[in-house]
Amino acid sequence: MDSTRDSRATVELNLYELSCEGITVSYSRSGLEGIPQLSYATGDRSYVFRGEEIRAISTEIGRQLSVTLEASPDLEAITFTLILPPLNLEGDEAPIETVALITRHRTSIGGPRLVKGQVLSYETLKLTGVARAVIF
């Protein structure tokens, strides 16, 4: 068995830079502040979420990251959910293709049970970009 090993330590993917149709998304698992950060920008709007503002769960289709973009009481909330698929690196970066959902959650003063018709509606985004292993 060859005892020679890559002198570089294994670094986990921790920076994702993605885009599609006028939308840019950046996610770092642990940025300069030591906490996760997700930025979402489209047109003249941009949002930055940190720490617990990012809801993360691991599922069989990948890591799902959700943030609330807007919330209007008694009307609707808009969330953005990014799916990060598992990815094996051969170097410090790799191309990535994934999807995200923009979900409109309709509600009323009495809650979603009083909404007529469909309560949730979805817009699917196909994002491409690069995933990197960086040291902050």
N, C-alpha and C. Protein backbone atom coordinates (compact mmCIF):
# COMPACT_ATOMS: atom_id res chain seq x y z
N MET A 1 0.84 -1.17 0.00
CA MET A 1 0.00 0.00 0.00
C MET A 1 0.89 1.24 0.00
N ASP A 2 0.53 2.19 -0.80
CA ASP A 2 1.28 3.43 -0.90
C ASP A 2 0.96 4.32 0.30
N SER A 3 1.98 4.68 1.06
CA SER A 3 1.74 5.49 2.25
C SER A 3 1.78 6.98 1.96
N THR A 4 2.01 7.36 0.70
CA THR A 4 2.03 8.77 0.34
C THR A 4 0.60 9.29 0.31
N ARG A 5 0.39 10.43 0.93
CA ARG A 5 -0.95 11.01 0.96
C ARG A 5 -0.89 12.44 0.48
N ASP A 6 -2.00 12.92 0.08
CA ASP A 6 -2.12 14.33 -0.30
C ASP A 6 -1.74 15.17 0.92
N SER A 7 -0.81 16.08 0.76
CA SER A 7 -0.35 16.88 1.89
C SER A 7 -1.39 17.90 2.33
N ARG A 8 -2.35 18.14 1.52
CA ARG A 8 -3.40 19.10 1.84
C ARG A 8 -4.46 18.42 2.70
N ALA A 9 -4.87 19.06 3.78
CA ALA A 9 -5.91 18.49 4.64
C ALA A 9 -7.25 18.49 3.90
N THR A 10 -8.08 17.52 4.21
CA THR A 10 -9.40 17.48 3.60
C THR A 10 -10.22 18.62 4.17
N VAL A 11 -10.79 19.43 3.27
CA VAL A 11 -11.58 20.58 3.68
C VAL A 11 -13.00 20.36 3.17
N GLU A 12 -13.97 20.55 4.03
CA GLU A 12 -15.37 20.37 3.67
C GLU A 12 -15.84 21.52 2.79
N LEU A 13 -16.73 21.23 1.84
CA LEU A 13 -17.33 22.28 1.03
C LEU A 13 -18.01 23.28 1.96
N ASN A 14 -17.68 24.54 1.80
CA ASN A 14 -18.28 25.50 2.71
C ASN A 14 -18.69 26.81 2.05
N LEU A 15 -18.53 26.92 0.73
CA LEU A 15 -18.94 28.14 0.03
C LEU A 15 -19.59 27.75 -1.29
N TYR A 16 -20.81 28.23 -1.49
CA TYR A 16 -21.56 27.95 -2.72
C TYR A 16 -21.93 29.29 -3.34
N GLU A 17 -21.63 29.46 -4.63
CA GLU A 17 -21.99 30.67 -5.35
C GLU A 17 -22.80 30.24 -6.57
N LEU A 18 -24.07 30.64 -6.60
CA LEU A 18 -25.02 30.14 -7.60
C LEU A 18 -25.78 31.30 -8.23
N SER A 19 -26.32 31.03 -9.44
CA SER A 19 -27.14 32.06 -10.08
C SER A 19 -28.07 31.45 -11.12
N CYS A 20 -29.08 32.23 -11.49
CA CYS A 20 -29.99 31.92 -12.59
C CYS A 20 -30.84 33.14 -12.87
N GLU A 21 -31.13 33.39 -14.11
CA GLU A 21 -32.09 34.41 -14.55
C GLU A 21 -32.18 35.64 -13.65
N GLY A 22 -31.09 36.33 -13.42
CA GLY A 22 -31.12 37.56 -12.63
C GLY A 22 -31.10 37.38 -11.13
N ILE A 23 -30.96 36.15 -10.67
CA ILE A 23 -30.90 35.87 -9.23
C ILE A 23 -29.51 35.36 -8.88
N THR A 24 -28.93 35.88 -7.82
CA THR A 24 -27.65 35.35 -7.33
C THR A 24 -27.83 34.93 -5.88
N VAL A 25 -27.21 33.79 -5.56
CA VAL A 25 -27.28 33.23 -4.22
C VAL A 25 -25.88 32.84 -3.80
N SER A 26 -25.53 33.17 -2.59
CA SER A 26 -24.25 32.76 -2.02
C SER A 26 -24.53 32.20 -0.63
N TYR A 27 -23.90 31.07 -0.34
CA TYR A 27 -24.07 30.46 0.99
C TYR A 27 -22.72 30.02 1.50
N SER A 28 -22.41 30.42 2.72
CA SER A 28 -21.19 29.93 3.38
C SER A 28 -21.60 29.29 4.70
N ARG A 29 -21.05 28.10 4.93
CA ARG A 29 -21.38 27.37 6.16
C ARG A 29 -20.84 28.05 7.40
N SER A 30 -19.70 28.68 7.25
CA SER A 30 -19.06 29.35 8.38
C SER A 30 -18.14 30.41 7.82
N GLY A 31 -18.67 31.61 7.66
CA GLY A 31 -17.90 32.69 7.06
C GLY A 31 -16.95 33.34 8.03
N LEU A 32 -16.60 34.57 7.74
CA LEU A 32 -15.66 35.32 8.57
C LEU A 32 -16.15 35.47 10.01
N GLU A 33 -17.46 35.53 10.20
CA GLU A 33 -18.03 35.68 11.54
C GLU A 33 -18.16 34.35 12.27
N GLY A 34 -17.87 33.24 11.59
CA GLY A 34 -17.96 31.93 12.22
C GLY A 34 -19.35 31.33 12.25
N ILE A 35 -20.31 31.96 11.56
CA ILE A 35 -21.68 31.45 11.50
C ILE A 35 -22.12 31.35 10.05
N PRO A 36 -23.12 30.51 9.76
CA PRO A 36 -23.60 30.41 8.38
C PRO A 36 -24.16 31.74 7.88
N GLN A 37 -24.01 31.97 6.57
CA GLN A 37 -24.56 33.18 5.96
C GLN A 37 -25.09 32.84 4.58
N LEU A 38 -26.29 33.31 4.27
CA LEU A 38 -26.88 33.13 2.96
C LEU A 38 -27.30 34.49 2.43
N SER A 39 -26.87 34.80 1.21
CA SER A 39 -27.32 36.04 0.57
C SER A 39 -28.11 35.69 -0.67
N TYR A 40 -29.15 36.48 -0.92
CA TYR A 40 -30.06 36.28 -2.05
C TYR A 40 -30.28 37.65 -2.65
N ALA A 41 -30.06 37.78 -3.95
CA ALA A 41 -30.25 39.07 -4.62
C ALA A 41 -30.96 38.87 -5.94
N THR A 42 -31.89 39.76 -6.21
CA THR A 42 -32.59 39.79 -7.49
C THR A 42 -33.02 41.22 -7.76
N GLY A 43 -32.77 41.70 -8.98
CA GLY A 43 -33.16 43.06 -9.33
C GLY A 43 -32.64 44.07 -8.34
N ASP A 44 -33.55 44.86 -7.76
CA ASP A 44 -33.14 45.89 -6.81
C ASP A 44 -33.26 45.44 -5.35
N ARG A 45 -33.53 44.16 -5.14
CA ARG A 45 -33.65 43.65 -3.77
C ARG A 45 -32.52 42.70 -3.44
N SER A 46 -32.01 42.85 -2.24
CA SER A 46 -30.99 41.90 -1.77
C SER A 46 -31.22 41.65 -0.28
N TYR A 47 -30.94 40.44 0.12
CA TYR A 47 -31.17 40.00 1.49
C TYR A 47 -29.92 39.27 1.97
N VAL A 48 -29.62 39.40 3.25
CA VAL A 48 -28.54 38.64 3.87
C VAL A 48 -29.09 38.04 5.16
N PHE A 49 -28.91 36.72 5.28
CA PHE A 49 -29.39 35.99 6.45
C PHE A 49 -28.20 35.36 7.15
N ARG A 50 -28.23 35.36 8.48
CA ARG A 50 -27.13 34.81 9.27
C ARG A 50 -27.64 33.88 10.36
N GLY A 51 -26.81 32.89 10.68
CA GLY A 51 -27.09 32.03 11.83
C GLY A 51 -28.45 31.39 11.81
N GLU A 52 -29.22 31.61 12.88
CA GLU A 52 -30.52 30.95 13.05
C GLU A 52 -31.59 31.47 12.11
N GLU A 53 -31.32 32.53 11.36
CA GLU A 53 -32.29 32.98 10.35
C GLU A 53 -32.35 31.99 9.19
N ILE A 54 -31.35 31.11 9.10
CA ILE A 54 -31.29 30.08 8.06
C ILE A 54 -31.73 28.77 8.69
N ARG A 55 -32.83 28.23 8.19
CA ARG A 55 -33.34 26.96 8.68
C ARG A 55 -32.76 25.85 7.82
N ALA A 56 -31.99 24.95 8.41
CA ALA A 56 -31.28 23.90 7.65
C ALA A 56 -31.68 22.52 8.14
N ILE A 57 -31.96 21.64 7.17
CA ILE A 57 -32.21 20.24 7.49
C ILE A 57 -31.55 19.37 6.44
N SER A 58 -31.10 18.20 6.86
CA SER A 58 -30.52 17.23 5.92
C SER A 58 -31.60 16.23 5.54
N THR A 59 -31.74 15.98 4.24
CA THR A 59 -32.74 15.04 3.74
C THR A 59 -32.07 14.13 2.72
N GLU A 60 -32.82 13.15 2.22
CA GLU A 60 -32.26 12.23 1.24
C GLU A 60 -31.98 12.91 -0.10
N ILE A 61 -32.55 14.08 -0.35
CA ILE A 61 -32.26 14.77 -1.62
C ILE A 61 -31.20 15.86 -1.45
N GLY A 62 -30.67 16.01 -0.26
CA GLY A 62 -29.62 16.99 -0.02
C GLY A 62 -29.94 17.86 1.19
N ARG A 63 -29.07 18.80 1.45
CA ARG A 63 -29.26 19.72 2.57
C ARG A 63 -30.20 20.83 2.09
N GLN A 64 -31.27 21.07 2.84
CA GLN A 64 -32.23 22.10 2.48
C GLN A 64 -32.05 23.30 3.40
N LEU A 65 -31.87 24.46 2.78
CA LEU A 65 -31.71 25.72 3.50
C LEU A 65 -32.89 26.61 3.17
N SER A 66 -33.61 27.07 4.18
CA SER A 66 -34.78 27.93 3.95
C SER A 66 -34.64 29.23 4.72
N VAL A 67 -35.09 30.30 4.07
CA VAL A 67 -35.12 31.63 4.69
C VAL A 67 -36.44 32.30 4.31
N THR A 68 -36.88 33.22 5.13
CA THR A 68 -38.09 33.97 4.84
C THR A 68 -37.68 35.29 4.20
N LEU A 69 -38.09 35.47 2.94
CA LEU A 69 -37.75 36.70 2.21
C LEU A 69 -38.66 37.85 2.61
N GLU A 70 -39.95 37.56 2.72
CA GLU A 70 -40.92 38.60 3.08
C GLU A 70 -42.05 37.97 3.89
N ALA A 71 -42.64 38.76 4.77
CA ALA A 71 -43.80 38.31 5.52
C ALA A 71 -44.75 39.49 5.70
N SER A 72 -45.94 39.36 5.17
CA SER A 72 -46.97 40.38 5.31
C SER A 72 -48.10 39.77 6.13
N PRO A 73 -48.27 40.21 7.37
CA PRO A 73 -49.31 39.63 8.22
C PRO A 73 -50.67 39.67 7.52
N ASP A 74 -51.43 38.62 7.70
CA ASP A 74 -52.78 38.49 7.15
C ASP A 74 -52.82 38.46 5.63
N LEU A 75 -51.68 38.24 4.97
CA LEU A 75 -51.66 38.19 3.51
C LEU A 75 -50.84 37.00 3.02
N GLU A 76 -49.51 37.11 3.14
CA GLU A 76 -48.66 36.02 2.68
C GLU A 76 -47.25 36.15 3.22
N ALA A 77 -46.54 35.05 3.17
CA ALA A 77 -45.10 35.03 3.45
C ALA A 77 -44.45 34.41 2.22
N ILE A 78 -43.24 34.84 1.93
CA ILE A 78 -42.49 34.29 0.79
C ILE A 78 -41.19 33.72 1.34
N THR A 79 -40.97 32.43 1.07
CA THR A 79 -39.74 31.78 1.52
C THR A 79 -38.92 31.32 0.32
N PHE A 80 -37.63 31.19 0.54
CA PHE A 80 -36.68 30.69 -0.45
C PHE A 80 -36.03 29.45 0.15
N THR A 81 -36.08 28.34 -0.58
CA THR A 81 -35.47 27.09 -0.11
C THR A 81 -34.48 26.60 -1.15
N LEU A 82 -33.23 26.48 -0.75
CA LEU A 82 -32.14 26.02 -1.61
C LEU A 82 -31.80 24.58 -1.24
N ILE A 83 -31.63 23.74 -2.25
CA ILE A 83 -31.22 22.35 -2.01
C ILE A 83 -29.77 22.19 -2.44
N LEU A 84 -28.93 21.77 -1.50
CA LEU A 84 -27.52 21.53 -1.78
C LEU A 84 -27.27 20.03 -1.84
N PRO A 85 -27.03 19.49 -3.04
CA PRO A 85 -26.81 18.05 -3.17
C PRO A 85 -25.43 17.66 -2.65
N PRO A 86 -25.25 16.39 -2.28
CA PRO A 86 -23.91 15.93 -1.91
C PRO A 86 -22.98 16.10 -3.11
N LEU A 87 -21.73 16.40 -2.84
CA LEU A 87 -20.76 16.66 -3.90
C LEU A 87 -19.38 16.23 -3.44
N ASN A 88 -18.68 15.47 -4.25
CA ASN A 88 -17.32 15.06 -3.93
C ASN A 88 -16.35 15.92 -4.73
N LEU A 89 -15.37 16.44 -4.06
CA LEU A 89 -14.39 17.32 -4.71
C LEU A 89 -13.17 16.57 -5.17
N GLU A 90 -12.62 17.03 -6.28
CA GLU A 90 -11.28 16.62 -6.72
C GLU A 90 -10.50 17.91 -6.87
N GLY A 91 -10.15 18.50 -5.77
CA GLY A 91 -9.50 19.81 -5.76
C GLY A 91 -10.23 20.71 -4.79
N ASP A 92 -10.14 22.02 -5.02
CA ASP A 92 -10.74 22.97 -4.10
C ASP A 92 -12.10 23.48 -4.54
N GLU A 93 -12.55 23.16 -5.76
CA GLU A 93 -13.85 23.62 -6.20
C GLU A 93 -14.42 22.70 -7.27
N ALA A 94 -15.74 22.79 -7.46
CA ALA A 94 -16.41 21.96 -8.46
C ALA A 94 -17.66 22.68 -8.94
N PRO A 95 -18.05 22.45 -10.20
CA PRO A 95 -19.30 23.02 -10.68
C PRO A 95 -20.48 22.33 -9.99
N ILE A 96 -21.57 23.06 -9.87
CA ILE A 96 -22.76 22.51 -9.22
C ILE A 96 -24.01 22.98 -9.95
N GLU A 97 -24.97 22.09 -10.08
CA GLU A 97 -26.30 22.40 -10.59
C GLU A 97 -27.29 21.95 -9.54
N THR A 98 -28.25 22.80 -9.23
CA THR A 98 -29.24 22.44 -8.22
C THR A 98 -30.54 23.18 -8.46
N VAL A 99 -31.47 23.02 -7.55
CA VAL A 99 -32.75 23.71 -7.65
C VAL A 99 -33.05 24.45 -6.35
N ALA A 100 -33.94 25.40 -6.48
CA ALA A 100 -34.44 26.13 -5.32
C ALA A 100 -35.93 26.37 -5.54
N LEU A 101 -36.64 26.60 -4.47
CA LEU A 101 -38.07 26.90 -4.54
C LEU A 101 -38.34 28.25 -3.90
N ILE A 102 -39.15 29.04 -4.57
CA ILE A 102 -39.72 30.22 -3.93
C ILE A 102 -41.16 29.84 -3.64
N THR A 103 -41.53 29.88 -2.38
CA THR A 103 -42.86 29.44 -1.96
C THR A 103 -43.64 30.62 -1.42
N ARG A 104 -44.86 30.77 -1.91
CA ARG A 104 -45.78 31.79 -1.41
C ARG A 104 -46.76 31.08 -0.47
N HIS A 105 -46.77 31.52 0.78
CA HIS A 105 -47.62 30.95 1.82
C HIS A 105 -48.77 31.93 2.05
N ARG A 106 -49.94 31.65 1.50
CA ARG A 106 -51.09 32.54 1.67
C ARG A 106 -51.69 32.32 3.06
N THR A 107 -52.10 33.40 3.70
CA THR A 107 -52.71 33.30 5.02
C THR A 107 -53.75 34.39 5.19
N SER A 108 -54.41 34.39 6.31
CA SER A 108 -55.40 35.41 6.63
C SER A 108 -55.32 35.69 8.13
N ILE A 109 -56.11 36.62 8.59
CA ILE A 109 -56.10 36.94 10.01
C ILE A 109 -56.49 35.73 10.85
N GLY A 110 -57.27 34.83 10.27
CA GLY A 110 -57.69 33.62 10.99
C GLY A 110 -56.80 32.43 10.69
N GLY A 111 -55.68 32.65 10.01
CA GLY A 111 -54.76 31.56 9.68
C GLY A 111 -55.04 30.97 8.30
N PRO A 112 -54.23 30.01 7.89
CA PRO A 112 -54.35 29.45 6.53
C PRO A 112 -55.65 28.69 6.27
N ARG A 113 -56.34 28.26 7.32
CA ARG A 113 -57.61 27.52 7.12
C ARG A 113 -58.69 28.39 6.49
N LEU A 114 -58.58 29.70 6.64
CA LEU A 114 -59.59 30.59 6.07
C LEU A 114 -59.24 31.05 4.65
N VAL A 115 -58.11 30.64 4.13
CA VAL A 115 -57.74 30.99 2.76
C VAL A 115 -58.55 30.13 1.80
N LYS A 116 -59.12 30.75 0.79
CA LYS A 116 -59.87 30.00 -0.22
C LYS A 116 -58.90 29.56 -1.30
N GLY A 117 -58.97 28.31 -1.67
CA GLY A 117 -58.10 27.80 -2.72
C GLY A 117 -56.76 27.32 -2.19
N GLN A 118 -55.81 27.32 -3.06
CA GLN A 118 -54.48 26.79 -2.76
C GLN A 118 -53.76 27.69 -1.76
N VAL A 119 -53.21 27.09 -0.72
CA VAL A 119 -52.54 27.84 0.34
C VAL A 119 -51.08 28.10 -0.01
N LEU A 120 -50.42 27.11 -0.60
CA LEU A 120 -49.01 27.25 -0.99
C LEU A 120 -48.89 27.19 -2.51
N SER A 121 -48.03 28.06 -3.07
CA SER A 121 -47.71 27.98 -4.49
C SER A 121 -46.19 28.08 -4.63
N TYR A 122 -45.68 27.46 -5.69
CA TYR A 122 -44.23 27.30 -5.82
C TYR A 122 -43.72 27.80 -7.17
N GLU A 123 -42.53 28.38 -7.11
CA GLU A 123 -41.78 28.71 -8.32
C GLU A 123 -40.45 27.97 -8.21
N THR A 124 -40.10 27.22 -9.24
CA THR A 124 -38.87 26.44 -9.22
C THR A 124 -37.77 27.19 -9.96
N LEU A 125 -36.59 27.23 -9.38
CA LEU A 125 -35.43 27.86 -10.01
C LEU A 125 -34.35 26.81 -10.25
N LYS A 126 -33.72 26.84 -11.41
CA LYS A 126 -32.58 25.97 -11.67
C LYS A 126 -31.32 26.82 -11.58
N LEU A 127 -30.50 26.52 -10.59
CA LEU A 127 -29.31 27.31 -10.30
C LEU A 127 -28.05 26.57 -10.73
N THR A 128 -27.08 27.30 -11.22
CA THR A 128 -25.77 26.73 -11.53
C THR A 128 -24.71 27.62 -10.91
N GLY A 129 -23.55 27.04 -10.69
CA GLY A 129 -22.47 27.82 -10.12
C GLY A 129 -21.31 26.95 -9.70
N VAL A 130 -20.70 27.33 -8.60
CA VAL A 130 -19.51 26.62 -8.13
C VAL A 130 -19.60 26.41 -6.62
N ALA A 131 -19.11 25.26 -6.19
CA ALA A 131 -18.99 24.94 -4.77
C ALA A 131 -17.50 24.91 -4.46
N ARG A 132 -17.13 25.50 -3.34
CA ARG A 132 -15.70 25.60 -3.01
C ARG A 132 -15.43 25.14 -1.57
N ALA A 133 -14.21 24.72 -1.38
CA ALA A 133 -13.69 24.45 -0.04
C ALA A 133 -12.68 25.56 0.22
N VAL A 134 -13.05 26.49 1.10
CA VAL A 134 -12.17 27.62 1.40
C VAL A 134 -11.92 27.70 2.89
N ILE A 135 -10.87 28.37 3.24
CA ILE A 135 -10.56 28.62 4.65
C ILE A 135 -10.76 30.11 4.89
N PHE A 136 -11.67 30.43 5.82
CA PHE A 136 -11.96 31.84 6.12
C PHE A 136 -11.03 32.34 7.18
